[in-house]
Amino acid sequence: MARQEHRQVVVDREPGQYLGHPTTVLLEDGRTMFAVYPKGHGRGAIVMKRSDDGGETWSDRLPTPQSWTTSKETPTIHRVVDGEGSKRLILWSGLYPARLSVSENDGKSWSELKAAGDWGGIVVMGFVEPLSTPGHYLAMFHDDGRFRRKQPTKQEEKAMTLYKTLSEDGGRTWSEPEEVWSSEEIHLCEPGCIRSPDGEQLAVLLRENRRRKNSHVIFSNDEGETWTEPRQLPLALSGDRHVCEYGPDGRLFISFRCVSPKPLQPIRPFEGDWVAWVGSYDDLVNNTEGQYFVRLGDNTKAYDTAYPGVEILPDGTFVAITYGHWDKNKQPYILSVRLKLSELDELSSDLRN
């Protein structure tokens, strides 16, 4: 798959400039897509581009508010809808303080970044998930004590803490973050959320940043009020920054960076590359391996790749977008891959035969 160049679209590239860590959002028309990413490794001026044809072509870099040049961390973009049905886009910029920019006209114009509260964190927000009450949203992020408050905590023996915050007004304002889980032994971070097919359960996949264990998963059966104890996922799902979407047939497509625990490295052939896993929600619940595992992009520099955006178009095409060192000894750039699960099934069948 990584060598099938006909599936690839270059979203943005600038010689000598590091471009990385994109996130995306697809609007309700199934065609209009936005991608945002920093000029730099996890921090730097935020760049935004738009596609009007489901990611086949991309605009030039769009005008953005002046405050976007002051971003300290990876931006994330999300669609939110309030209880009256008014739609907006929100963009987060993390560290302290976590800041929010809002568009009330589908990205034509944006507010300046403003602090969401007297708090901050890392990769704000890993996800923004609509809850059962219209206009209500759950978001999660992590922090290791450096950015939660204006005055950082001591760094010795620091824990990694997973936080949740809630909005009841369609993403305009957010609650004081609450601790979901914390540990000094294993560092769970970069949450990625998927709802069960029946809508009754939330699953959050988590990177293990100390590289002592596989990635983990937690579940909630009460719209994020309480969560199960974290448990390890199968090795096939171990890695960083999981982004999950359902295909037309109900199977899950999960894009992430392939990273195994240190005691096992390099046990997998795609270590440090951009990969995807295909399986069912029941595989997450039952802790089973899933159907198959595929490399989407061959990263030439270990591990620095794959903060992905994943969107699914009305015809069942997945558009997966990320950054990577796609050319050896060159700066990373933003690339997309287009595929259908039926095409992956055919490829998997050919390899087995």
Protein backbone atom coordinates (compact mmCIF):
# COMPACT_ATOMS: atom_id res chain seq x y z
CA MET A 1 0.00 0.00 0.00
CA ALA A 2 2.81 2.45 0.88
CA ARG A 3 4.26 2.07 -2.62
CA GLN A 4 0.99 2.67 -4.48
CA GLU A 5 1.65 6.24 -5.50
CA HIS A 6 -1.62 6.52 -7.41
CA ARG A 7 -3.36 6.63 -4.01
CA GLN A 8 -1.21 9.49 -2.71
CA VAL A 9 -1.89 13.23 -2.79
CA VAL A 10 0.63 15.77 -1.51
CA VAL A 11 -1.33 18.18 0.69
CA ASP A 12 1.58 20.53 1.44
CA ARG A 13 5.34 20.57 1.13
CA GLU A 14 7.91 23.32 1.59
CA PRO A 15 11.62 22.68 0.91
CA GLY A 16 13.67 23.09 4.07
CA GLN A 17 10.58 23.55 6.29
CA TYR A 18 9.32 20.96 8.77
CA LEU A 19 5.57 20.41 8.24
CA GLY A 20 3.88 17.93 10.55
CA HIS A 21 1.12 16.82 12.91
CA PRO A 22 -2.02 17.54 10.84
CA THR A 23 -5.62 17.06 11.90
CA THR A 24 -8.64 17.25 9.62
CA VAL A 25 -12.37 17.77 9.55
CA LEU A 26 -14.92 16.85 6.86
CA LEU A 27 -18.11 18.91 6.56
CA GLU A 28 -21.59 17.53 6.07
CA ASP A 29 -21.54 17.93 2.27
CA GLY A 30 -19.04 15.05 2.13
CA ARG A 31 -16.63 17.12 0.02
CA THR A 32 -15.37 20.13 1.97
CA MET A 33 -12.38 19.22 4.11
CA PHE A 34 -9.97 21.31 6.19
CA ALA A 35 -6.48 20.36 7.32
CA VAL A 36 -4.50 22.26 9.96
CA TYR A 37 -0.89 21.71 11.03
CA PRO A 38 2.05 23.62 12.52
CA LYS A 39 5.15 24.89 10.76
CA GLY A 40 7.51 22.98 13.03
CA HIS A 41 7.72 19.87 15.18
CA GLY A 42 4.56 20.05 17.29
CA ARG A 43 4.65 23.82 17.52
CA GLY A 44 4.82 26.86 15.26
CA ALA A 45 2.51 29.00 13.15
CA ILE A 46 -0.69 27.15 12.22
CA VAL A 47 -1.25 26.48 8.52
CA MET A 48 -4.73 25.78 7.14
CA LYS A 49 -5.76 24.37 3.76
CA ARG A 50 -9.15 23.46 2.30
CA SER A 51 -10.24 20.83 -0.20
CA ASP A 52 -13.53 21.18 -2.06
CA ASP A 53 -13.42 17.73 -3.66
CA GLY A 54 -12.94 15.32 -0.80
CA GLY A 55 -9.19 15.67 -0.61
CA GLU A 56 -8.28 15.09 -4.25
CA THR A 57 -6.94 18.64 -4.59
CA TRP A 58 -6.04 21.32 -2.04
CA SER A 59 -6.12 25.10 -1.91
CA ASP A 60 -3.16 27.33 -1.33
CA ARG A 61 -2.53 28.14 2.34
CA LEU A 62 -5.52 30.12 3.59
CA PRO A 63 -5.44 33.43 5.49
CA THR A 64 -5.58 32.88 9.26
CA PRO A 65 -5.85 35.10 12.36
CA GLN A 66 -2.63 36.71 13.54
CA SER A 67 -2.77 34.81 16.84
CA TRP A 68 -2.42 31.50 14.99
CA THR A 69 1.24 32.41 14.42
CA THR A 70 1.75 32.23 18.21
CA SER A 71 0.61 28.61 18.58
CA LYS A 72 2.79 26.63 20.97
CA GLU A 73 1.61 23.16 20.05
CA THR A 74 -0.14 20.83 17.62
CA PRO A 75 -3.51 22.32 16.57
CA THR A 76 -6.65 20.19 16.37
CA ILE A 77 -9.84 21.04 14.44
CA HIS A 78 -13.36 19.76 15.13
CA ARG A 79 -16.98 20.16 13.99
CA VAL A 80 -19.46 20.95 16.80
CA VAL A 81 -23.21 21.67 16.81
CA ASP A 82 -25.12 23.31 19.64
CA GLY A 83 -28.52 22.38 21.05
CA GLU A 84 -30.30 24.73 18.63
CA GLY A 85 -28.60 23.16 15.62
CA SER A 86 -26.09 25.95 14.95
CA LYS A 87 -22.89 24.51 13.47
CA ARG A 88 -19.38 25.78 14.06
CA LEU A 89 -15.77 24.75 13.69
CA ILE A 90 -13.40 24.98 16.63
CA LEU A 91 -9.62 24.88 16.62
CA TRP A 92 -7.54 24.13 19.73
CA SER A 93 -3.95 25.14 20.45
CA GLY A 94 -2.46 23.51 23.53
CA LEU A 95 0.12 23.88 26.30
CA TYR A 96 -0.65 26.64 28.85
CA PRO A 97 -3.15 28.14 28.49
CA ALA A 98 -5.20 25.93 26.17
CA ARG A 99 -6.60 28.32 23.58
CA LEU A 100 -9.60 28.12 21.30
CA SER A 101 -10.47 29.71 17.94
CA VAL A 102 -14.01 29.53 16.52
CA SER A 103 -15.54 29.79 13.06
CA GLU A 104 -19.30 30.33 12.77
CA ASN A 105 -19.29 30.22 8.94
CA ASP A 106 -17.65 26.90 8.05
CA GLY A 107 -14.11 28.19 8.01
CA LYS A 108 -14.54 31.39 6.00
CA SER A 109 -13.37 33.44 8.99
CA TRP A 110 -12.06 32.68 12.46
CA SER A 111 -11.82 34.36 15.84
CA GLU A 112 -8.46 34.97 17.45
CA LEU A 113 -7.16 32.28 19.81
CA LYS A 114 -8.46 32.88 23.34
CA ALA A 115 -7.79 31.00 26.57
CA ALA A 116 -10.48 28.43 27.35
CA GLY A 117 -9.69 28.72 31.06
CA ASP A 118 -6.87 28.84 33.56
CA TRP A 119 -5.54 25.45 32.44
CA GLY A 120 -3.56 23.76 29.72
CA GLY A 121 -2.20 20.46 28.52
CA ILE A 122 -0.55 18.46 25.76
CA VAL A 123 -2.28 17.65 22.43
CA VAL A 124 -5.41 19.60 23.30
CA MET A 125 -7.73 18.01 22.22
CA GLY A 126 -7.01 14.39 21.31
CA PHE A 127 -10.70 14.12 20.39
CA VAL A 128 -14.00 15.99 20.75
CA GLU A 129 -16.91 13.53 20.96
CA PRO A 130 -20.63 14.43 20.80
CA LEU A 131 -22.63 13.10 23.75
CA SER A 132 -26.24 11.90 23.82
CA THR A 133 -27.58 15.32 24.83
CA PRO A 134 -27.61 17.67 21.81
CA GLY A 135 -24.92 20.33 22.07
CA HIS A 136 -22.96 18.45 24.74
CA TYR A 137 -19.39 17.31 24.04
CA LEU A 138 -16.63 15.38 25.77
CA ALA A 139 -12.97 16.13 25.04
CA MET A 140 -9.76 14.62 26.40
CA PHE A 141 -6.09 15.52 26.61
CA HIS A 142 -3.07 14.63 28.73
CA ASP A 143 -0.37 16.40 30.71
CA ASP A 144 2.76 15.45 32.64
CA GLY A 145 2.73 18.35 35.10
CA ARG A 146 4.42 20.95 32.92
CA PHE A 147 1.43 22.69 31.35
CA ARG A 148 -1.65 22.01 33.47
CA ARG A 149 -1.19 25.30 35.34
CA LYS A 150 0.75 28.49 34.85
CA GLN A 151 3.30 27.40 37.45
CA PRO A 152 4.54 23.94 36.43
CA THR A 153 4.92 21.14 38.95
CA LYS A 154 8.24 19.52 39.78
CA GLN A 155 9.56 17.26 37.06
CA GLU A 156 11.01 14.54 39.33
CA GLU A 157 9.00 11.31 39.19
CA LYS A 158 6.15 13.07 37.45
CA ALA A 159 2.98 11.23 36.49
CA MET A 160 1.17 11.32 33.19
CA THR A 161 -2.46 12.29 33.74
CA LEU A 162 -5.42 11.91 31.39
CA TYR A 163 -8.05 14.66 31.70
CA LYS A 164 -11.57 15.21 30.42
CA THR A 165 -13.44 18.46 29.87
CA LEU A 166 -17.06 19.03 28.88
CA SER A 167 -19.01 21.55 26.83
CA GLU A 168 -22.77 22.06 27.12
CA ASP A 169 -23.09 24.90 24.57
CA GLY A 170 -21.85 23.41 21.34
CA GLY A 171 -18.15 23.92 21.97
CA ARG A 172 -18.19 27.62 22.91
CA THR A 173 -17.10 27.07 26.53
CA TRP A 174 -15.47 24.17 28.36
CA SER A 175 -15.46 22.99 31.97
CA GLU A 176 -12.54 22.83 34.35
CA PRO A 177 -10.72 19.59 33.44
CA GLU A 178 -11.19 16.53 35.64
CA GLU A 179 -8.67 13.73 36.12
CA VAL A 180 -9.65 10.44 34.48
CA TRP A 181 -6.53 8.40 35.22
CA SER A 182 -2.94 9.02 36.32
CA SER A 183 0.22 6.94 36.78
CA GLU A 184 3.96 7.31 37.19
CA GLU A 185 4.59 3.74 36.01
CA ILE A 186 2.90 3.81 32.63
CA HIS A 187 2.23 7.04 30.77
CA LEU A 188 -1.09 6.93 28.91
CA CYS A 189 -1.69 9.81 26.54
CA GLU A 190 -2.92 10.98 23.11
CA PRO A 191 -6.51 9.70 23.47
CA GLY A 192 -8.49 8.61 20.42
CA CYS A 193 -12.21 7.87 20.81
CA ILE A 194 -14.71 5.64 19.02
CA ARG A 195 -18.35 4.95 19.94
CA SER A 196 -19.72 1.41 19.84
CA PRO A 197 -21.99 0.53 16.88
CA ASP A 198 -25.08 0.60 19.12
CA GLY A 199 -24.06 4.01 20.51
CA GLU A 200 -24.10 2.82 24.12
CA GLN A 201 -20.37 2.69 24.87
CA LEU A 202 -17.28 4.85 24.35
CA ALA A 203 -13.83 3.36 23.84
CA VAL A 204 -10.68 5.49 24.14
CA LEU A 205 -7.39 4.18 22.76
CA LEU A 206 -4.22 5.47 24.44
CA ARG A 207 -0.51 5.65 23.65
CA GLU A 208 1.87 4.29 26.31
CA ASN A 209 4.63 6.87 26.30
CA ARG A 210 7.17 5.09 28.52
CA ARG A 211 7.29 2.23 25.99
CA ARG A 212 6.99 -0.35 28.75
CA LYS A 213 3.62 -1.73 27.68
CA ASN A 214 1.35 -2.01 24.66
CA SER A 215 -1.12 0.76 23.95
CA HIS A 216 -4.17 0.71 26.25
CA VAL A 217 -7.93 1.13 26.05
CA ILE A 218 -10.58 2.37 28.49
CA PHE A 219 -14.37 2.13 28.18
CA SER A 220 -17.33 4.16 29.44
CA ASN A 221 -20.95 2.99 29.57
CA ASP A 222 -22.34 6.27 30.96
CA GLU A 223 -21.35 8.93 28.40
CA GLY A 224 -17.93 9.54 29.93
CA GLU A 225 -19.00 9.93 33.56
CA THR A 226 -16.95 6.92 34.66
CA TRP A 227 -14.31 4.77 32.98
CA THR A 228 -12.97 1.25 33.27
CA GLU A 229 -9.41 0.58 34.43
CA PRO A 230 -7.01 0.80 31.48
CA ARG A 231 -5.94 -2.49 29.93
CA GLN A 232 -3.45 -3.31 27.23
CA LEU A 233 -4.49 -3.66 23.61
CA PRO A 234 -3.08 -6.39 21.36
CA LEU A 235 0.34 -5.68 19.86
CA ALA A 236 -1.30 -5.14 16.47
CA LEU A 237 -2.85 -1.92 17.85
CA SER A 238 0.18 -0.66 19.75
CA GLY A 239 1.40 2.75 18.68
CA ASP A 240 0.72 6.46 18.84
CA ARG A 241 -2.16 8.83 18.11
CA HIS A 242 -4.94 6.43 17.12
CA VAL A 243 -7.70 7.93 14.94
CA CYS A 244 -10.74 5.71 14.33
CA GLU A 245 -13.55 5.68 11.76
CA TYR A 246 -16.15 3.13 10.71
CA GLY A 247 -16.33 1.87 7.15
CA PRO A 248 -19.63 1.37 5.30
CA ASP A 249 -19.81 -2.29 6.40
CA GLY A 250 -19.28 -1.47 10.08
CA ARG A 251 -15.64 -2.46 10.30
CA LEU A 252 -13.18 -0.13 12.01
CA PHE A 253 -10.26 1.56 10.24
CA ILE A 254 -7.71 2.87 12.77
CA SER A 255 -4.73 4.94 11.64
CA PHE A 256 -1.67 5.41 13.88
CA ARG A 257 2.12 5.38 14.22
CA CYS A 258 3.52 1.85 14.64
CA VAL A 259 5.55 1.70 17.89
CA SER A 260 6.12 -1.47 19.92
CA PRO A 261 7.16 -1.62 23.58
CA LYS A 262 10.94 -1.37 23.92
CA PRO A 263 11.40 -4.97 25.09
CA LEU A 264 9.86 -6.15 21.79
CA GLN A 265 11.42 -3.74 19.30
CA PRO A 266 11.86 -4.27 16.41
CA ILE A 267 9.40 -7.15 16.31
CA ARG A 268 7.07 -5.73 13.65
CA PRO A 269 8.07 -5.08 10.04
CA PHE A 270 6.53 -1.59 9.99
CA GLU A 271 8.15 -0.22 13.16
CA GLY A 272 8.17 3.60 13.06
CA ASP A 273 5.92 3.77 9.99
CA TRP A 274 2.40 5.07 9.30
CA VAL A 275 0.02 2.13 9.57
CA ALA A 276 -3.66 1.22 9.75
CA TRP A 277 -5.51 -1.60 11.49
CA VAL A 278 -8.80 -3.07 10.25
CA GLY A 279 -11.08 -5.03 12.55
CA SER A 280 -14.31 -4.77 14.52
CA TYR A 281 -15.39 -2.92 17.62
CA ASP A 282 -15.78 -6.33 19.24
CA ASP A 283 -12.04 -6.83 18.75
CA LEU A 284 -11.48 -3.84 21.05
CA VAL A 285 -13.92 -5.22 23.62
CA ASN A 286 -12.65 -8.82 23.45
CA ASN A 287 -8.95 -7.92 23.13
CA THR A 288 -8.51 -9.80 19.86
CA GLU A 289 -6.05 -9.05 17.08
CA GLY A 290 -8.44 -7.85 14.37
CA GLN A 291 -8.47 -8.66 10.67
CA TYR A 292 -5.25 -7.19 9.31
CA PHE A 293 -2.61 -4.49 9.62
CA VAL A 294 -1.27 -2.43 6.68
CA ARG A 295 1.48 0.12 6.11
CA LEU A 296 0.14 3.36 4.64
CA GLY A 297 3.45 5.27 4.48
CA ASP A 298 7.11 4.22 4.62
CA ASN A 299 8.71 6.68 7.02
CA THR A 300 12.48 7.03 6.49
CA LYS A 301 13.18 8.47 9.96
CA ALA A 302 12.21 6.32 12.90
CA TYR A 303 9.02 7.28 14.74
CA ASP A 304 8.61 10.90 13.58
CA THR A 305 5.42 10.39 11.59
CA ALA A 306 1.70 9.72 11.68
CA TYR A 307 -0.38 12.21 13.60
CA PRO A 308 -3.22 11.34 11.32
CA GLY A 309 -6.51 12.73 10.21
CA VAL A 310 -9.02 10.14 8.92
CA GLU A 311 -12.20 11.03 7.05
CA ILE A 312 -14.67 8.81 5.19
CA LEU A 313 -16.44 10.07 2.06
CA PRO A 314 -20.01 9.18 1.05
CA ASP A 315 -18.78 6.54 -1.43
CA GLY A 316 -16.84 4.70 1.29
CA THR A 317 -13.43 6.12 0.42
CA PHE A 318 -11.17 6.72 3.40
CA VAL A 319 -8.97 9.81 3.15
CA ALA A 320 -6.12 9.42 5.62
CA ILE A 321 -3.76 12.38 6.02
CA THR A 322 -0.54 12.65 7.97
CA TYR A 323 3.07 13.81 7.92
CA GLY A 324 6.28 11.85 7.59
CA HIS A 325 9.84 11.82 6.35
CA TRP A 326 8.77 10.38 3.02
CA ASP A 327 12.07 11.28 1.33
CA LYS A 328 15.32 10.31 3.07
CA ASN A 329 17.25 13.21 4.63
CA LYS A 330 14.51 15.70 3.70
CA GLN A 331 12.11 17.59 5.94
CA PRO A 332 8.71 15.93 6.51
CA TYR A 333 5.62 16.99 4.62
CA ILE A 334 1.86 16.38 4.55
CA LEU A 335 0.59 13.44 2.48
CA SER A 336 -2.80 11.79 2.04
CA VAL A 337 -3.70 8.24 1.04
CA ARG A 338 -7.08 7.29 -0.46
CA LEU A 339 -8.48 3.77 -0.19
CA LYS A 340 -11.56 1.61 0.30
CA LEU A 341 -11.78 -1.38 2.63
CA SER A 342 -12.72 -3.55 -0.35
CA GLU A 343 -9.37 -2.65 -1.92
CA LEU A 344 -7.53 -3.57 1.27
CA ASP A 345 -9.47 -6.85 1.39
CA GLU A 346 -8.35 -7.67 -2.14
CA LEU A 347 -4.74 -6.83 -1.33
CA SER A 348 -4.89 -8.95 1.82
CA SER A 349 -6.35 -11.87 -0.13
CA ASP A 350 -3.65 -11.64 -2.79
CA LEU A 351 -0.93 -11.72 -0.14
CA ARG A 352 -2.44 -14.76 1.54
CA ASN A 353 -2.67 -16.61 -1.77
